[in-house]
C-alpha cells in the first residue's frame, strides 16, 4: 500500500520538486496551492510523468485562520490516513500586510498556518505508522527576535527581520509540538533546505536587481527539495524528533529559540489566536 503525503506550497519552486521526488519514491501526493490554474497544470504535468501514481492538487489558502481550518477539513476529505505532512509554503513580504484576523501575513503563513494544519490533521497523521511532519524553515531563524505583543500583528515589521522572526516562531512551535509527540510514533522536525533560487524575498529597485544577479549562483529548486525529502523519508531518521537540520546536517538550536519562556509564551499566544487547544 502506498503512503500518503501532503505538501503545502506545491505548485512551484521547492514544493513542486518535493512532490516530484516523493512520487519517485512511490508516495501518493496531495499538494496544496492557491493558484487554481497553476495547480491544475502542475497536477497534469506530474501525473503525465508518473502515470501509475496518484497525484492530486487541492486548492488551499493559508492566509487566514478560517481558510487554514477549511483546508484541513478538505484534506481530511481526501486522505483518511496521512503518512507525511510537509509544511513547505512560506512568504517573505517586503511591505506590511495584515489579514482579516488582524495578523501580519508572514506570521500567518510561515508560522500559524503550519501549526493549525498540524494540529487539525494530527488525528489522520497518527493513524499511520511512523508518520512524520517536516517544517521547511530557514537558516535565518537565529537572527529572529519575537514578541507576543508585536510580532503577530506586524508591530515590529521589517522587510528583512520579519522573515527571520516568523521562521523563529515556526521553530519554537516545532520544538513544542515535538515534546508533545514524543513517544507517540509521530515525529516533527525542521530544516533549512539550503540557499535556493526561488521568488522568495524578491525586492524592487537596485536591491532587487542585485539580488536577482546573486541568485544565479544559488542552488536550484530541485536541489532544494533533496534535504526535505530526505528528512521526510530516510529510514535512518525513523524516530528522530524535535531536531533542526541545515540541509542534511543536524545543528544545535540557537538564538531566542533556546529561551523556554518565549517558547511557552508564543505557543500559548498562537493557540489563543487560532482558537485552538492542544490535547
Protein backbone atom coordinates (compact mmCIF):
# COMPACT_ATOMS: atom_id res chain seq x y z
CA UNK A 1 0.00 0.00 0.00
CA UNK A 2 1.36 3.41 -0.98
CA UNK A 3 1.98 6.07 1.62
CA UNK A 4 0.12 9.39 1.52
CA UNK A 5 1.97 12.71 1.57
CA UNK A 6 0.57 16.25 1.91
CA UNK A 7 2.75 19.11 0.64
CA UNK A 8 1.86 22.78 1.05
CA UNK A 9 3.17 25.30 -1.46
CA UNK A 10 3.44 22.53 -4.04
CA UNK A 11 2.72 24.43 -7.23
CA UNK A 12 6.19 25.86 -7.76
CA UNK A 13 9.76 26.06 -6.52
CA UNK A 14 10.94 23.67 -3.84
CA UNK A 15 7.42 22.42 -3.14
CA UNK A 16 6.85 21.24 -6.68
CA UNK A 17 10.18 19.43 -6.70
CA UNK A 18 9.39 17.85 -3.32
CA UNK A 19 6.24 16.41 -4.90
CA UNK A 20 8.20 15.10 -7.87
CA UNK A 21 10.80 13.42 -5.69
CA UNK A 22 8.18 11.87 -3.41
CA UNK A 23 6.45 10.42 -6.45
CA UNK A 24 9.71 8.72 -7.43
CA UNK A 25 9.56 7.04 -4.02
CA UNK A 26 6.08 5.67 -4.70
CA UNK A 27 4.14 8.09 -2.48
CA UNK A 28 0.64 9.25 -3.26
CA UNK A 29 0.79 13.04 -3.17
CA UNK A 30 -1.74 15.76 -2.48
CA UNK A 31 -0.20 19.18 -2.99
CA UNK A 32 -1.67 22.48 -1.91
CA UNK A 33 -1.62 25.85 -3.65
CA UNK A 34 -3.84 28.89 -4.03
CA UNK A 35 -3.50 29.39 -7.81
CA UNK A 36 -6.05 27.02 -9.33
CA UNK A 37 -4.82 27.29 -12.92
CA UNK A 38 -1.21 26.65 -11.92
CA UNK A 39 -2.27 23.81 -9.64
CA UNK A 40 -4.19 22.08 -12.41
CA UNK A 41 -1.26 22.46 -14.80
CA UNK A 42 1.23 21.06 -12.28
CA UNK A 43 -1.07 18.15 -11.49
CA UNK A 44 -1.32 17.30 -15.20
CA UNK A 45 2.46 17.59 -15.60
CA UNK A 46 3.23 15.34 -12.64
CA UNK A 47 0.51 12.83 -13.47
CA UNK A 48 1.84 12.54 -17.00
CA UNK A 49 5.34 11.94 -15.66
CA UNK A 50 4.09 9.38 -13.12
CA UNK A 51 1.07 7.70 -14.76
CA UNK A 52 0.97 4.86 -12.23
CA UNK A 53 0.93 7.18 -9.22
CA UNK A 54 -1.78 9.20 -7.55
CA UNK A 55 -1.13 12.94 -7.58
CA UNK A 56 -3.82 15.47 -6.77
CA UNK A 57 -3.99 19.23 -6.46
CA UNK A 58 -6.10 20.78 -3.71
CA UNK A 59 -6.86 24.48 -3.57
CA UNK A 60 -5.92 25.99 -0.25
CA UNK A 61 -5.39 29.46 1.18
CA UNK A 62 -3.04 29.74 4.16
CA UNK A 63 -3.77 33.43 4.62
CA UNK A 64 -6.39 33.34 7.37
CA UNK A 65 -7.26 31.19 10.35
CA UNK A 66 -10.62 30.18 8.88
CA UNK A 67 -9.17 29.27 5.49
CA UNK A 68 -6.49 27.11 7.13
CA UNK A 69 -9.11 25.21 9.10
CA UNK A 70 -11.20 24.77 5.97
CA UNK A 71 -8.16 23.46 4.14
CA UNK A 72 -7.57 20.91 6.89
CA UNK A 73 -11.16 19.72 6.54
CA UNK A 74 -10.77 19.48 2.76
CA UNK A 75 -7.58 17.44 3.14
CA UNK A 76 -9.31 15.09 5.56
CA UNK A 77 -11.99 14.58 2.92
CA UNK A 78 -9.36 13.24 0.54
CA UNK A 79 -6.93 11.50 2.88
CA UNK A 80 -8.09 9.49 5.86
CA UNK A 81 -4.57 8.36 6.76
CA UNK A 82 -1.61 10.72 6.30
CA UNK A 83 1.92 9.32 6.49
CA UNK A 84 3.70 12.59 5.79
CA UNK A 85 2.92 16.29 6.14
CA UNK A 86 5.45 18.71 4.69
CA UNK A 87 4.73 22.30 5.67
CA UNK A 88 6.69 23.92 2.86
CA UNK A 89 4.73 27.06 1.94
CA UNK A 90 6.29 30.32 3.02
CA UNK A 91 6.40 34.01 2.16
CA UNK A 92 8.82 36.91 2.58
CA UNK A 93 6.80 40.13 2.39
CA UNK A 94 8.70 43.36 1.87
CA UNK A 95 5.76 45.52 2.93
CA UNK A 96 3.48 45.24 5.94
CA UNK A 97 0.25 43.45 5.16
CA UNK A 98 -2.33 42.09 7.57
CA UNK A 99 -5.18 39.66 7.05
CA UNK A 100 -8.82 39.77 8.11
CA UNK A 101 -7.80 38.36 11.50
CA UNK A 102 -5.56 41.38 12.06
CA UNK A 103 -2.44 39.22 11.79
CA UNK A 104 0.73 40.05 9.85
CA UNK A 105 0.85 37.85 6.77
CA UNK A 106 4.27 36.28 7.25
CA UNK A 107 3.35 35.36 10.84
CA UNK A 108 0.18 33.78 9.47
CA UNK A 109 1.68 31.83 6.58
CA UNK A 110 5.11 30.94 7.95
CA UNK A 111 4.05 30.07 11.48
CA UNK A 112 0.36 29.94 12.34
CA UNK A 113 -0.77 28.08 9.20
CA UNK A 114 1.64 25.14 9.72
CA UNK A 115 0.62 24.99 13.36
CA UNK A 116 -3.09 24.91 12.51
CA UNK A 117 -2.66 22.27 9.79
CA UNK A 118 -0.50 20.11 12.05
CA UNK A 119 -3.00 20.28 14.89
CA UNK A 120 -6.09 19.73 12.76
CA UNK A 121 -4.57 16.87 10.72
CA UNK A 122 -2.90 15.13 13.65
CA UNK A 123 -5.68 12.52 14.11
CA UNK A 124 -5.16 11.46 10.49
CA UNK A 125 -1.37 11.61 10.77
CA UNK A 126 -1.36 9.43 13.86
CA UNK A 127 -3.35 6.72 12.07
CA UNK A 128 -0.17 5.99 10.08
CA UNK A 129 2.74 4.03 11.50
CA UNK A 130 5.95 6.05 11.94
CA UNK A 131 4.38 9.17 10.43
CA UNK A 132 6.42 12.33 10.03
CA UNK A 133 5.87 16.08 9.94
CA UNK A 134 8.52 18.26 8.29
CA UNK A 135 8.63 22.05 8.61
CA UNK A 136 10.66 23.71 5.88
CA UNK A 137 12.31 26.55 7.75
CA UNK A 138 15.30 28.83 7.06
CA UNK A 139 18.86 29.31 8.18
CA UNK A 140 17.97 32.87 9.18
CA UNK A 141 15.77 31.91 12.12
CA UNK A 142 18.58 32.54 14.71
CA UNK A 143 18.52 36.20 13.63
CA UNK A 144 14.91 36.47 14.77
CA UNK A 145 13.68 38.15 17.93
CA UNK A 146 10.00 37.93 18.66
CA UNK A 147 7.41 39.43 20.96
CA UNK A 148 3.94 38.05 21.57
CA UNK A 149 2.60 41.59 21.70
CA UNK A 150 4.22 42.84 18.50
CA UNK A 151 5.18 40.05 16.09
CA UNK A 152 1.73 38.52 15.42
CA UNK A 153 0.38 41.93 14.42
CA UNK A 154 3.36 43.27 12.50
CA UNK A 155 4.08 45.99 15.06
CA UNK A 156 7.75 45.08 14.70
CA UNK A 157 7.58 44.70 10.91
CA UNK A 158 10.81 44.97 8.95
CA UNK A 159 11.26 43.89 5.33
CA UNK A 160 14.13 41.59 6.28
CA UNK A 161 13.80 40.88 10.01
CA UNK A 162 10.14 39.83 9.83
CA UNK A 163 11.05 36.79 7.74
CA UNK A 164 13.61 35.80 10.39
CA UNK A 165 11.13 36.44 13.18
CA UNK A 166 8.34 34.34 11.70
CA UNK A 167 10.71 31.47 10.92
CA UNK A 168 11.82 31.63 14.55
CA UNK A 169 8.16 31.33 15.59
CA UNK A 170 7.94 28.20 13.46
CA UNK A 171 10.99 26.72 15.18
CA UNK A 172 9.52 27.48 18.59
CA UNK A 173 6.31 25.67 17.62
CA UNK A 174 8.24 22.74 16.15
CA UNK A 175 10.05 22.20 19.45
CA UNK A 176 6.86 22.47 21.49
CA UNK A 177 4.98 20.02 19.26
CA UNK A 178 7.93 17.63 19.32
CA UNK A 179 7.74 17.48 23.11
CA UNK A 180 4.05 16.70 22.95
CA UNK A 181 4.52 14.00 20.28
CA UNK A 182 7.46 12.26 21.98
CA UNK A 183 6.86 8.52 22.10
CA UNK A 184 3.66 8.69 20.04
CA UNK A 185 5.09 7.21 16.83
CA UNK A 186 4.77 10.55 15.04
CA UNK A 187 7.76 12.88 14.73
CA UNK A 188 8.25 16.51 13.75
CA UNK A 189 11.50 18.16 12.63
CA UNK A 190 12.54 21.34 10.83
CA UNK A 191 15.25 22.16 8.35
CA UNK A 192 16.92 24.78 6.22
CA UNK A 193 16.83 23.41 2.65
CA UNK A 194 19.84 25.45 1.51
CA UNK A 195 20.12 28.78 -0.26
CA UNK A 196 17.80 28.21 -3.19
CA UNK A 197 16.94 30.25 -6.27
CA UNK A 198 13.22 30.94 -5.89
CA UNK A 199 10.97 34.01 -5.97
CA UNK A 200 11.10 34.27 -2.18
CA UNK A 201 12.20 37.64 -0.89
CA UNK A 202 12.32 39.43 -4.24
CA UNK A 203 12.85 43.15 -3.81
CA UNK A 204 12.26 46.01 -6.21
CA UNK A 205 14.77 48.61 -7.34
CA UNK A 206 18.53 48.27 -7.27
CA UNK A 207 18.47 45.81 -4.36
CA UNK A 208 16.16 43.57 -6.38
CA UNK A 209 18.43 43.66 -9.41
CA UNK A 210 21.44 42.84 -7.25
CA UNK A 211 19.62 40.00 -5.51
CA UNK A 212 18.49 38.50 -8.81
CA UNK A 213 22.08 38.54 -10.03
CA UNK A 214 23.33 36.85 -6.87
CA UNK A 215 20.57 34.23 -7.13
CA UNK A 216 22.15 32.96 -10.33
CA UNK A 217 24.79 31.34 -8.13
CA UNK A 218 22.31 29.73 -5.73
CA UNK A 219 21.04 26.14 -5.85
CA UNK A 220 18.07 25.10 -7.97
CA UNK A 221 14.65 24.18 -6.52
CA UNK A 222 15.39 20.58 -7.49
CA UNK A 223 18.48 20.66 -5.28
CA UNK A 224 16.48 22.44 -2.58
CA UNK A 225 13.99 19.56 -2.42
CA UNK A 226 16.64 16.94 -1.65
CA UNK A 227 17.03 17.65 2.08
CA UNK A 228 13.29 17.96 2.88
CA UNK A 229 12.58 14.66 1.12
CA UNK A 230 15.49 13.04 2.92
CA UNK A 231 14.21 14.26 6.29
CA UNK A 232 10.74 13.01 5.38
CA UNK A 233 11.70 9.55 4.17
CA UNK A 234 15.20 8.41 5.22
CA UNK A 235 14.96 5.11 7.16
CA UNK A 236 17.82 6.14 9.45
CA UNK A 237 15.73 9.08 10.71
CA UNK A 238 12.85 6.97 11.95
CA UNK A 239 12.01 8.08 15.47
CA UNK A 240 14.15 11.23 15.28
CA UNK A 241 12.10 14.03 16.79
CA UNK A 242 12.46 17.73 17.57
CA UNK A 243 15.65 18.32 15.59
CA UNK A 244 16.82 21.05 13.22
CA UNK A 245 18.89 20.35 10.12
CA UNK A 246 20.91 22.58 7.85
CA UNK A 247 20.26 20.55 4.71
CA UNK A 248 21.31 17.06 5.86
CA UNK A 249 23.43 18.15 8.81
CA UNK A 250 21.88 18.28 12.26
CA UNK A 251 22.57 21.58 14.01
CA UNK A 252 22.03 22.75 17.56
CA UNK A 253 19.12 25.13 18.08
CA UNK A 254 20.44 28.63 18.79
CA UNK A 255 19.29 32.18 19.42
CA UNK A 256 15.99 33.07 21.06
CA UNK A 257 14.71 29.58 20.22
CA UNK A 258 16.63 28.33 23.27
CA UNK A 259 14.59 30.51 25.64
CA UNK A 260 11.91 28.41 27.33
CA UNK A 261 9.93 31.47 28.38
CA UNK A 262 9.39 32.92 24.92
CA UNK A 263 8.71 29.45 23.54
CA UNK A 264 5.90 28.87 26.03
CA UNK A 265 4.53 32.40 25.66
CA UNK A 266 4.44 32.22 21.86
CA UNK A 267 2.88 28.76 22.00
CA UNK A 268 0.07 29.94 24.26
CA UNK A 269 -0.44 33.10 22.20
CA UNK A 270 -0.56 31.13 18.94
CA UNK A 271 -3.16 28.70 20.25
CA UNK A 272 -5.20 31.61 21.57
CA UNK A 273 -5.09 33.39 18.21
CA UNK A 274 -6.03 30.21 16.34
CA UNK A 275 -8.86 29.43 18.74
CA UNK A 276 -7.37 26.00 19.47
CA UNK A 277 -6.32 23.89 22.41
CA UNK A 278 -3.80 21.07 22.29
CA UNK A 279 -4.99 17.91 23.98
